[in-house]
Amino acid sequence: MATRPEQQTANDIKVDPKSLYLEEVFTDRRVGTIRRLTPVTKDGTRDPARAVLYVGETQVLTPAGALPIGFEIGAASLEEAAEKFGTLAKEAIERTVKELQELRRQAASSIVVPQGPLPPMSGPGGGGKIQLP
């Protein structure tokens, strides 16, 4: 039975020789990088049956440090990927900020449940009285 990627465990981590890419990194050393992923066969030659992929990467500074932002760029060439980079980076940053705000909102509105059993309550009003022996 074949193992799907989400079912893999630490003991059976394997690189799929049918899904290999040659990775090249291009940067302007200012706002980010573009990674060109060229599909290759198991012997390292170009695989013409699969498309070249472009992935953009940038980062935003947060109080906790630099937060990396990655996004796919639908492009047919490096030039086209570079032209689309700015717009797609802004969209990815906006999406990430919204997700962070939602996580912060969820954390702020979460109900804190005390650990352990509740103390016994006596009487109909629930007010306990100290009893001395």
C-alpha atoms as a PDB file:
ATOM      1  CA  MET A   1       0.000   0.000   0.000  1.00  0.00           C
ATOM      2  CA  ALA A   2       1.422   3.413  -0.956  1.00  0.00           C
ATOM      3  CA  THR A   3       2.004   5.952   1.781  1.00  0.00           C
ATOM      4  CA  ARG A   4       0.589   9.426   1.196  1.00  0.00           C
ATOM      5  CA  PRO A   5       2.849  12.355   2.249  1.00  0.00           C
ATOM      6  CA  GLU A   6       0.562  13.271   5.161  1.00  0.00           C
ATOM      7  CA  GLN A   7       0.855   9.687   6.451  1.00  0.00           C
ATOM      8  CA  GLN A   8       4.658   9.591   6.466  1.00  0.00           C
ATOM      9  CA  THR A   9       6.447   9.194   9.756  1.00  0.00           C
ATOM     10  CA  ALA A  10       9.990  10.048  10.753  1.00  0.00           C
ATOM     11  CA  ASN A  11      11.027   6.461   9.997  1.00  0.00           C
ATOM     12  CA  ASP A  12       9.950   6.484   6.345  1.00  0.00           C
ATOM     13  CA  ILE A  13      10.961   9.940   5.094  1.00  0.00           C
ATOM     14  CA  LYS A  14      12.000   9.560   1.475  1.00  0.00           C
ATOM     15  CA  VAL A  15      12.666  11.842  -1.476  1.00  0.00           C
ATOM     16  CA  ASP A  16      10.447  10.988  -4.425  1.00  0.00           C
ATOM     17  CA  PRO A  17      12.770  10.609  -7.461  1.00  0.00           C
ATOM     18  CA  LYS A  18       9.816  11.383  -9.761  1.00  0.00           C
ATOM     19  CA  SER A  19       9.268  14.820  -8.146  1.00  0.00           C
ATOM     20  CA  LEU A  20      12.757  16.305  -8.196  1.00  0.00           C
ATOM     21  CA  TYR A  21      13.478  19.960  -9.020  1.00  0.00           C
ATOM     22  CA  LEU A  22      16.661  21.899  -9.616  1.00  0.00           C
ATOM     23  CA  GLU A  23      16.439  25.014  -7.429  1.00  0.00           C
ATOM     24  CA  GLU A  24      17.979  28.337  -8.417  1.00  0.00           C
ATOM     25  CA  VAL A  25      17.761  31.482  -6.279  1.00  0.00           C
ATOM     26  CA  PHE A  26      17.625  35.008  -7.696  1.00  0.00           C
ATOM     27  CA  THR A  27      17.648  38.110  -5.507  1.00  0.00           C
ATOM     28  CA  ASP A  28      17.850  41.859  -5.779  1.00  0.00           C
ATOM     29  CA  ARG A  29      19.359  41.865  -2.249  1.00  0.00           C
ATOM     30  CA  ARG A  30      16.678  44.360  -1.243  1.00  0.00           C
ATOM     31  CA  VAL A  31      13.095  43.096  -1.056  1.00  0.00           C
ATOM     32  CA  GLY A  32      13.250  39.350  -1.557  1.00  0.00           C
ATOM     33  CA  THR A  33      14.127  36.323  -3.601  1.00  0.00           C
ATOM     34  CA  ILE A  34      12.669  34.376  -6.482  1.00  0.00           C
ATOM     35  CA  ARG A  35      13.269  30.654  -6.587  1.00  0.00           C
ATOM     36  CA  ARG A  36      13.093  28.949  -9.961  1.00  0.00           C
ATOM     37  CA  LEU A  37      12.275  25.274  -9.611  1.00  0.00           C
ATOM     38  CA  THR A  38      13.136  23.420 -12.796  1.00  0.00           C
ATOM     39  CA  PRO A  39      11.761  19.864 -12.912  1.00  0.00           C
ATOM     40  CA  VAL A  40      14.382  17.190 -13.489  1.00  0.00           C
ATOM     41  CA  THR A  41      14.392  13.442 -13.935  1.00  0.00           C
ATOM     42  CA  LYS A  42      16.096  11.128 -11.452  1.00  0.00           C
ATOM     43  CA  ASP A  43      19.351  11.434 -13.429  1.00  0.00           C
ATOM     44  CA  GLY A  44      19.264  15.257 -13.209  1.00  0.00           C
ATOM     45  CA  THR A  45      18.282  16.077 -16.795  1.00  0.00           C
ATOM     46  CA  ARG A  46      15.465  18.536 -17.527  1.00  0.00           C
ATOM     47  CA  ASP A  47      11.987  16.942 -17.369  1.00  0.00           C
ATOM     48  CA  PRO A  48       9.980  18.580 -20.198  1.00  0.00           C
ATOM     49  CA  ALA A  49       6.743  16.905 -19.068  1.00  0.00           C
ATOM     50  CA  ARG A  50       6.494  19.204 -16.009  1.00  0.00           C
ATOM     51  CA  ALA A  51       6.358  22.998 -15.838  1.00  0.00           C
ATOM     52  CA  VAL A  52       8.992  25.272 -14.304  1.00  0.00           C
ATOM     53  CA  LEU A  53       7.747  26.803 -11.041  1.00  0.00           C
ATOM     54  CA  TYR A  54       8.540  30.208  -9.538  1.00  0.00           C
ATOM     55  CA  VAL A  55       8.266  30.925  -5.807  1.00  0.00           C
ATOM     56  CA  GLY A  56       8.666  34.350  -4.247  1.00  0.00           C
ATOM     57  CA  GLU A  57       9.996  34.925  -0.753  1.00  0.00           C
ATOM     58  CA  THR A  58      10.179  38.082   1.318  1.00  0.00           C
ATOM     59  CA  GLN A  59       9.998  38.906   5.005  1.00  0.00           C
ATOM     60  CA  VAL A  60       8.332  41.376   7.323  1.00  0.00           C
ATOM     61  CA  LEU A  61       9.714  42.569  10.615  1.00  0.00           C
ATOM     62  CA  THR A  62       7.599  41.864  13.684  1.00  0.00           C
ATOM     63  CA  PRO A  63       8.243  42.406  17.388  1.00  0.00           C
ATOM     64  CA  ALA A  64       9.208  38.723  17.514  1.00  0.00           C
ATOM     65  CA  GLY A  65      11.701  39.101  14.645  1.00  0.00           C
ATOM     66  CA  ALA A  66      11.642  38.567  10.891  1.00  0.00           C
ATOM     67  CA  LEU A  67       8.650  36.603   9.595  1.00  0.00           C
ATOM     68  CA  PRO A  68       9.280  34.836   6.258  1.00  0.00           C
ATOM     69  CA  ILE A  69       6.509  35.089   3.661  1.00  0.00           C
ATOM     70  CA  GLY A  70       6.431  32.659   0.742  1.00  0.00           C
ATOM     71  CA  PHE A  71       4.107  32.640  -2.265  1.00  0.00           C
ATOM     72  CA  GLU A  72       3.808  31.004  -5.661  1.00  0.00           C
ATOM     73  CA  ILE A  73       4.240  33.105  -8.781  1.00  0.00           C
ATOM     74  CA  GLY A  74       2.393  31.958 -11.874  1.00  0.00           C
ATOM     75  CA  ALA A  75       4.871  32.933 -14.574  1.00  0.00           C
ATOM     76  CA  ALA A  76       6.377  31.576 -17.778  1.00  0.00           C
ATOM     77  CA  SER A  77       9.760  33.290 -17.343  1.00  0.00           C
ATOM     78  CA  LEU A  78      12.041  34.805 -14.727  1.00  0.00           C
ATOM     79  CA  GLU A  79      11.305  38.278 -16.123  1.00  0.00           C
ATOM     80  CA  GLU A  80       7.554  37.754 -15.740  1.00  0.00           C
ATOM     81  CA  ALA A  81       8.063  36.407 -12.197  1.00  0.00           C
ATOM     82  CA  ALA A  82      10.079  39.521 -11.289  1.00  0.00           C
ATOM     83  CA  GLU A  83       7.338  41.783 -12.690  1.00  0.00           C
ATOM     84  CA  LYS A  84       4.619  39.999 -10.676  1.00  0.00           C
ATOM     85  CA  PHE A  85       6.699  39.774  -7.483  1.00  0.00           C
ATOM     86  CA  GLY A  86       5.637  43.090  -5.881  1.00  0.00           C
ATOM     87  CA  THR A  87       1.896  42.648  -6.293  1.00  0.00           C
ATOM     88  CA  LEU A  88       1.922  39.033  -5.132  1.00  0.00           C
ATOM     89  CA  ALA A  89       4.201  39.852  -2.180  1.00  0.00           C
ATOM     90  CA  LYS A  90       1.767  42.563  -1.002  1.00  0.00           C
ATOM     91  CA  GLU A  91      -1.152  40.126  -1.265  1.00  0.00           C
ATOM     92  CA  ALA A  92       0.749  37.459   0.671  1.00  0.00           C
ATOM     93  CA  ILE A  93       1.720  39.950   3.391  1.00  0.00           C
ATOM     94  CA  GLU A  94      -1.882  41.181   3.710  1.00  0.00           C
ATOM     95  CA  ARG A  95      -3.142  37.587   3.936  1.00  0.00           C
ATOM     96  CA  THR A  96      -0.546  36.784   6.598  1.00  0.00           C
ATOM     97  CA  VAL A  97      -1.410  39.899   8.642  1.00  0.00           C
ATOM     98  CA  LYS A  98      -5.119  38.954   8.545  1.00  0.00           C
ATOM     99  CA  GLU A  99      -4.301  35.409   9.689  1.00  0.00           C
ATOM    100  CA  LEU A 100      -2.151  36.756  12.535  1.00  0.00           C
ATOM    101  CA  GLN A 101      -4.932  39.143  13.599  1.00  0.00           C
ATOM    102  CA  GLU A 102      -7.421  36.268  13.602  1.00  0.00           C
ATOM    103  CA  LEU A 103      -5.084  34.102  15.693  1.00  0.00           C
ATOM    104  CA  ARG A 104      -4.588  36.999  18.116  1.00  0.00           C
ATOM    105  CA  ARG A 105      -8.380  37.520  18.322  1.00  0.00           C
ATOM    106  CA  GLN A 106      -8.962  33.819  18.985  1.00  0.00           C
ATOM    107  CA  ALA A 107      -6.304  33.780  21.680  1.00  0.00           C
ATOM    108  CA  ALA A 108      -7.781  36.858  23.377  1.00  0.00           C
ATOM    109  CA  SER A 109     -11.310  35.446  23.372  1.00  0.00           C
ATOM    110  CA  SER A 110     -10.474  31.938  24.499  1.00  0.00           C
ATOM    111  CA  ILE A 111     -12.100  30.801  27.721  1.00  0.00           C
ATOM    112  CA  VAL A 112      -9.732  29.823  30.487  1.00  0.00           C
ATOM    113  CA  VAL A 113     -10.909  26.640  32.174  1.00  0.00           C
ATOM    114  CA  PRO A 114      -9.517  25.995  35.659  1.00  0.00           C
ATOM    115  CA  GLN A 115      -7.622  22.770  36.065  1.00  0.00           C
ATOM    116  CA  GLY A 116      -8.675  20.191  38.642  1.00  0.00           C
ATOM    117  CA  PRO A 117     -11.992  19.638  40.399  1.00  0.00           C
ATOM    118  CA  LEU A 118     -14.185  22.523  41.503  1.00  0.00           C
ATOM    119  CA  PRO A 119     -14.414  23.142  45.257  1.00  0.00           C
ATOM    120  CA  PRO A 120     -17.554  21.776  46.929  1.00  0.00           C
ATOM    121  CA  MET A 121     -20.438  24.195  47.276  1.00  0.00           C
ATOM    122  CA  SER A 122     -22.765  24.023  50.290  1.00  0.00           C
ATOM    123  CA  GLY A 123     -26.324  25.247  50.544  1.00  0.00           C
ATOM    124  CA  PRO A 124     -28.654  26.568  47.849  1.00  0.00           C
ATOM    125  CA  GLY A 125     -26.821  29.885  47.498  1.00  0.00           C
ATOM    126  CA  GLY A 126     -23.537  28.148  46.974  1.00  0.00           C
ATOM    127  CA  GLY A 127     -21.820  30.196  49.672  1.00  0.00           C
ATOM    128  CA  GLY A 128     -19.663  27.996  51.847  1.00  0.00           C
ATOM    129  CA  LYS A 129     -19.180  28.588  55.539  1.00  0.00           C
ATOM    130  CA  ILE A 130     -16.085  27.831  57.481  1.00  0.00           C
ATOM    131  CA  GLN A 131     -16.812  25.105  59.968  1.00  0.00           C
ATOM    132  CA  LEU A 132     -14.613  24.507  62.964  1.00  0.00           C
ATOM    133  CA  PRO A 133     -14.553  21.113  64.685  1.00  0.00           C
END
